[in-house]
Amino acid sequence: MNVIVCPVRNGLHYTREAMKTFLAQDVPDLHIVFIDNASTDGTTDWLKTQDCFVFHNATPRSVAASWNAGLRWAFEHGAETCLVVNNDVLLRPDTYRLLSEDGGLFVTAVASDDPECVKPVKGPTGRWEYAEPDPDAKRPHPTMSCFLMRRECWDRVGPFDEEFKGGYVEDLMQHYRMHKSGITAYCIDLAFYHAGSGTMKCASPEEVAQISAQAQRNRELFFKKTGVQPASPEYYALFQK
C-alpha cells in the first residue's frame, strides 16, 4: 500500500495540477489523502469529485496537525511508506518509487522553481527518459515540501510537534528530533517542481499578517525547546558529519 498525503488551504489551481502528477505515480495500490483546511475557493467541492480520501476541517489546522492526520491514517491502514507533499508541487511519475527504493527512513527530493525539471530528457539511447538521481549527491537537512517517511521513523520519533501552530519550523523540530533519535534525514538528487508558498500567495493580506506573526511565535518556541535559533548556523551544524 502506497499513500500520498497533501494538506490544502485554498489554491485550487495548484491542487488540480498537483493531483494530475499524484495519479501518474508509477507505484501500485496508491491511495491519495487530502487534508482540506476549510478552503473557501471551491477546493472543498472539487475534492468531493476526486478519487481520494479527504479530511474536511471546519477550521484551518496547522501544518503539523495536518501532516500528523495524514501520516497516522496511512500507517494505521497498513502503509510502510507515505509520501507527503504540498499542494503547489508537480512530481515526476517516478518520485514515489525512487524515494522509496532509496531505503532511507526519511528522505526527500530536491525542490526546484523550474517546471521543466519534471519533464523527461532524451537519454543516451535516444529515448525520452528521466535522469536517475545521483546516489552521491545526497544533501543534509532537506526541505519538507515533498518527503517520504517510513513507518519506522514515525514509530521511533513520533508525530510532528503540534505546539507549533501555523506552518513554520515544525519541520525543523522534526529534523532535530530525528537527529536525536539517530535517524539521518536527507534529500537525493531527484527534482520536483515547487511553486513555493502557495498558501501565502492565495491568502488575503490579513491572513498573511497572521501567518507571519505566528511564524515569529514559532521561532521563539523553537529556541525555548532547543536552545538554538531555527535555521541558524548552530542549528545546521547539528547535522554535519
Protein backbone atom coordinates (compact mmCIF):
# COMPACT_ATOMS: atom_id res chain seq x y z
CA MET A 1 0.00 0.00 0.00
CA ASN A 2 1.37 3.41 -1.03
CA VAL A 3 -0.10 6.68 0.29
CA ILE A 4 0.27 10.31 -0.77
CA VAL A 5 -0.81 12.91 1.81
CA CYS A 6 -1.45 16.51 0.77
CA PRO A 7 -2.70 19.31 3.09
CA VAL A 8 -4.51 22.09 1.29
CA ARG A 9 -5.88 25.51 2.19
CA ASN A 10 -7.27 27.09 -0.99
CA GLY A 11 -5.12 27.26 -4.12
CA LEU A 12 -7.45 25.16 -6.26
CA HIS A 13 -5.45 25.90 -9.44
CA TYR A 14 -2.34 24.47 -7.78
CA THR A 15 -4.14 21.44 -6.39
CA ARG A 16 -5.68 20.43 -9.71
CA GLU A 17 -2.26 20.31 -11.37
CA ALA A 18 -0.64 18.57 -8.41
CA MET A 19 -3.34 15.90 -8.43
CA LYS A 20 -2.53 15.00 -12.05
CA THR A 21 1.04 14.21 -11.03
CA PHE A 22 -0.08 12.24 -7.96
CA LEU A 23 -2.26 10.00 -10.11
CA ALA A 24 0.63 9.49 -12.56
CA GLN A 25 2.95 7.93 -9.96
CA ASP A 26 4.29 4.58 -11.17
CA VAL A 27 3.60 2.63 -7.96
CA PRO A 28 0.80 0.12 -7.32
CA ASP A 29 -2.03 0.31 -4.79
CA LEU A 30 -1.83 4.10 -4.48
CA HIS A 31 -4.14 5.95 -2.09
CA ILE A 32 -4.34 9.76 -2.08
CA VAL A 33 -5.34 11.60 1.10
CA PHE A 34 -6.10 15.32 1.24
CA ILE A 35 -6.35 17.35 4.44
CA ASP A 36 -8.72 20.19 3.50
CA ASN A 37 -8.27 23.05 5.94
CA ALA A 38 -11.52 24.95 5.48
CA SER A 39 -10.85 26.02 1.91
CA THR A 40 -13.11 28.77 0.60
CA ASP A 41 -12.23 28.89 -3.12
CA GLY A 42 -14.03 25.81 -4.42
CA THR A 43 -11.33 23.34 -3.41
CA THR A 44 -13.66 21.53 -1.00
CA ASP A 45 -16.30 20.87 -3.65
CA TRP A 46 -13.67 19.86 -6.22
CA LEU A 47 -12.13 17.32 -3.85
CA LYS A 48 -15.53 15.67 -3.49
CA THR A 49 -15.39 14.80 -7.20
CA GLN A 50 -11.96 13.15 -6.98
CA ASP A 51 -10.93 9.55 -6.30
CA CYS A 52 -9.31 10.26 -2.95
CA PHE A 53 -9.88 10.24 0.79
CA VAL A 54 -10.45 13.69 2.34
CA PHE A 55 -10.31 15.01 5.89
CA HIS A 56 -12.53 18.11 5.89
CA ASN A 57 -11.66 20.51 8.73
CA ALA A 58 -14.27 23.12 9.62
CA THR A 59 -11.48 25.47 10.75
CA PRO A 60 -7.88 25.56 9.48
CA ARG A 61 -5.45 23.27 11.28
CA SER A 62 -1.70 23.71 11.46
CA VAL A 63 0.71 22.07 9.03
CA ALA A 64 1.94 19.79 11.82
CA ALA A 65 -1.60 18.68 12.68
CA SER A 66 -2.41 18.13 9.00
CA TRP A 67 0.71 16.05 8.39
CA ASN A 68 0.02 14.03 11.52
CA ALA A 69 -3.56 13.28 10.47
CA GLY A 70 -2.47 12.01 7.07
CA LEU A 71 0.53 10.02 8.30
CA ARG A 72 -1.49 8.45 11.10
CA TRP A 73 -4.16 7.38 8.60
CA ALA A 74 -1.54 5.89 6.29
CA PHE A 75 0.27 3.85 8.91
CA GLU A 76 -2.91 2.72 10.66
CA HIS A 77 -4.14 1.41 7.30
CA GLY A 78 -1.05 -0.68 6.69
CA ALA A 79 1.28 1.54 4.67
CA GLU A 80 5.01 1.07 5.20
CA THR A 81 5.85 4.35 3.44
CA CYS A 82 3.98 7.61 2.99
CA LEU A 83 4.82 10.48 0.64
CA VAL A 84 3.77 13.89 2.00
CA VAL A 85 3.64 16.82 -0.41
CA ASN A 86 2.44 20.40 -0.63
CA ASN A 87 -0.44 21.16 -2.96
CA ASP A 88 1.73 23.54 -5.02
CA VAL A 89 4.09 20.88 -6.37
CA LEU A 90 4.49 18.86 -9.55
CA LEU A 91 6.09 15.41 -9.27
CA ARG A 92 7.88 13.25 -11.77
CA PRO A 93 6.00 9.95 -12.21
CA ASP A 94 8.89 8.07 -10.59
CA THR A 95 9.18 10.28 -7.49
CA TYR A 96 7.43 7.97 -5.02
CA ARG A 97 9.16 4.85 -6.36
CA LEU A 98 12.68 6.27 -6.34
CA LEU A 99 12.37 7.83 -2.89
CA SER A 100 11.04 4.52 -1.57
CA GLU A 101 13.74 2.48 -3.29
CA ASP A 102 16.41 4.68 -1.73
CA GLY A 103 15.68 2.96 1.58
CA GLY A 104 16.09 5.92 3.94
CA LEU A 105 13.76 6.21 6.91
CA PHE A 106 13.16 9.85 5.95
CA VAL A 107 14.16 11.15 2.53
CA THR A 108 13.10 13.96 0.21
CA ALA A 109 13.64 15.07 -3.35
CA VAL A 110 15.17 18.42 -4.32
CA ALA A 111 12.77 21.33 -4.75
CA SER A 112 13.09 23.40 -7.93
CA ASP A 113 11.30 26.51 -9.16
CA ASP A 114 11.74 25.33 -12.76
CA PRO A 115 8.70 23.40 -14.09
CA GLU A 116 10.95 21.93 -16.80
CA CYS A 117 12.61 19.77 -14.14
CA VAL A 118 9.69 17.33 -14.17
CA LYS A 119 9.76 16.84 -17.93
CA PRO A 120 11.63 13.92 -19.49
CA VAL A 121 15.02 14.30 -21.13
CA LYS A 122 16.44 12.39 -24.07
CA GLY A 123 18.78 9.69 -22.77
CA PRO A 124 21.90 8.20 -24.41
CA THR A 125 19.78 5.65 -26.26
CA GLY A 126 17.80 8.44 -27.90
CA ARG A 127 14.65 7.54 -25.94
CA TRP A 128 12.86 10.05 -23.75
CA GLU A 129 13.51 9.14 -20.14
CA TYR A 130 14.03 10.64 -16.72
CA ALA A 131 17.54 11.10 -15.39
CA GLU A 132 18.22 8.85 -12.41
CA PRO A 133 19.16 10.57 -9.15
CA ASP A 134 22.83 10.67 -8.28
CA PRO A 135 23.30 8.49 -5.15
CA ASP A 136 26.40 10.51 -4.26
CA ALA A 137 24.51 13.80 -4.28
CA LYS A 138 22.64 13.31 -1.01
CA ARG A 139 22.23 16.56 0.87
CA PRO A 140 21.69 17.00 4.62
CA HIS A 141 18.65 18.60 6.22
CA PRO A 142 16.17 18.60 3.33
CA THR A 143 13.17 20.81 2.80
CA MET A 144 9.74 19.43 3.66
CA SER A 145 7.60 20.27 0.62
CA CYS A 146 7.98 16.66 -0.58
CA PHE A 147 9.14 13.96 1.83
CA LEU A 148 8.84 10.22 2.21
CA MET A 149 8.56 8.82 5.72
CA ARG A 150 8.73 5.15 6.67
CA ARG A 151 6.65 3.67 9.44
CA GLU A 152 9.83 3.00 11.46
CA CYS A 153 10.64 6.73 11.51
CA TRP A 154 7.12 7.55 12.70
CA ASP A 155 7.32 4.86 15.40
CA ARG A 156 10.74 5.99 16.66
CA VAL A 157 10.32 9.77 16.52
CA GLY A 158 6.59 10.20 16.93
CA PRO A 159 4.26 12.72 15.30
CA PHE A 160 5.14 16.30 14.46
CA ASP A 161 5.01 18.73 17.37
CA GLU A 162 1.59 20.39 17.24
CA GLU A 163 2.61 23.11 19.68
CA PHE A 164 3.90 24.84 16.56
CA LYS A 165 0.82 26.48 15.12
CA GLY A 166 0.55 27.71 11.57
CA GLY A 167 3.24 26.42 9.24
CA TYR A 168 6.76 27.34 10.29
CA VAL A 169 9.62 25.41 11.99
CA GLU A 170 7.58 22.29 12.79
CA ASP A 171 9.72 20.67 10.10
CA LEU A 172 12.93 21.91 11.72
CA MET A 173 11.81 20.47 15.05
CA GLN A 174 11.10 17.09 13.45
CA HIS A 175 14.60 17.07 11.92
CA TYR A 176 16.01 17.95 15.35
CA ARG A 177 14.08 15.09 16.96
CA MET A 178 15.12 12.66 14.21
CA HIS A 179 18.74 13.67 14.76
CA LYS A 180 18.38 12.99 18.50
CA SER A 181 16.87 9.59 17.65
CA GLY A 182 19.80 8.65 15.41
CA ILE A 183 17.89 8.99 12.14
CA THR A 184 19.57 10.81 9.27
CA ALA A 185 17.22 12.92 7.15
CA TYR A 186 18.46 13.78 3.68
CA CYS A 187 17.42 14.50 0.11
CA ILE A 188 18.52 12.81 -3.06
CA ASP A 189 19.20 14.46 -6.39
CA LEU A 190 15.68 13.93 -7.73
CA ALA A 191 13.99 17.17 -8.67
CA PHE A 192 10.35 18.16 -8.32
CA TYR A 193 8.72 21.49 -9.13
CA HIS A 194 7.61 23.61 -6.17
CA ALA A 195 5.75 26.86 -6.77
CA GLY A 196 6.70 27.96 -3.25
CA SER A 197 4.45 29.43 -0.55
CA GLY A 198 1.29 28.56 -2.43
CA THR A 199 -0.92 29.10 0.61
CA MET A 200 0.58 32.54 1.26
CA LYS A 201 0.08 33.52 -2.38
CA CYS A 202 -3.61 32.64 -2.10
CA ALA A 203 -4.15 34.32 1.28
CA SER A 204 -5.56 37.78 1.98
CA PRO A 205 -3.25 40.48 3.39
CA GLU A 206 -4.87 39.95 6.80
CA GLU A 207 -4.18 36.21 6.66
CA VAL A 208 -0.59 36.80 5.55
CA ALA A 209 -0.06 39.10 8.56
CA GLN A 210 -1.49 36.46 10.90
CA ILE A 211 0.69 33.74 9.41
CA SER A 212 3.80 35.91 9.71
CA ALA A 213 3.06 36.76 13.34
CA GLN A 214 2.56 33.09 14.17
CA ALA A 215 5.83 32.23 12.45
CA GLN A 216 7.66 34.59 14.81
CA ARG A 217 5.98 32.96 17.81
CA ASN A 218 7.09 29.60 16.46
CA ARG A 219 10.69 30.81 16.18
CA GLU A 220 10.62 31.82 19.83
CA LEU A 221 9.11 28.48 20.86
CA PHE A 222 11.72 26.58 18.87
CA PHE A 223 14.55 28.40 20.66
CA LYS A 224 12.90 27.71 24.02
CA LYS A 225 12.71 23.98 23.23
CA THR A 226 16.15 23.50 21.65
CA GLY A 227 18.44 26.33 22.74
CA VAL A 228 19.34 27.19 19.12
CA GLN A 229 17.75 29.58 16.68
CA PRO A 230 15.89 27.86 13.82
CA ALA A 231 17.83 27.72 10.54
CA SER A 232 20.90 29.28 12.21
CA PRO A 233 24.49 28.12 11.63
CA GLU A 234 24.33 26.46 15.06
CA TYR A 235 21.22 24.56 14.02
CA TYR A 236 22.69 23.31 10.73
CA ALA A 237 25.92 22.35 12.49
CA LEU A 238 23.92 19.63 14.28
CA PHE A 239 23.59 17.70 11.03
CA GLN A 240 27.17 17.92 9.83
CA LYS A 241 29.12 14.67 9.85
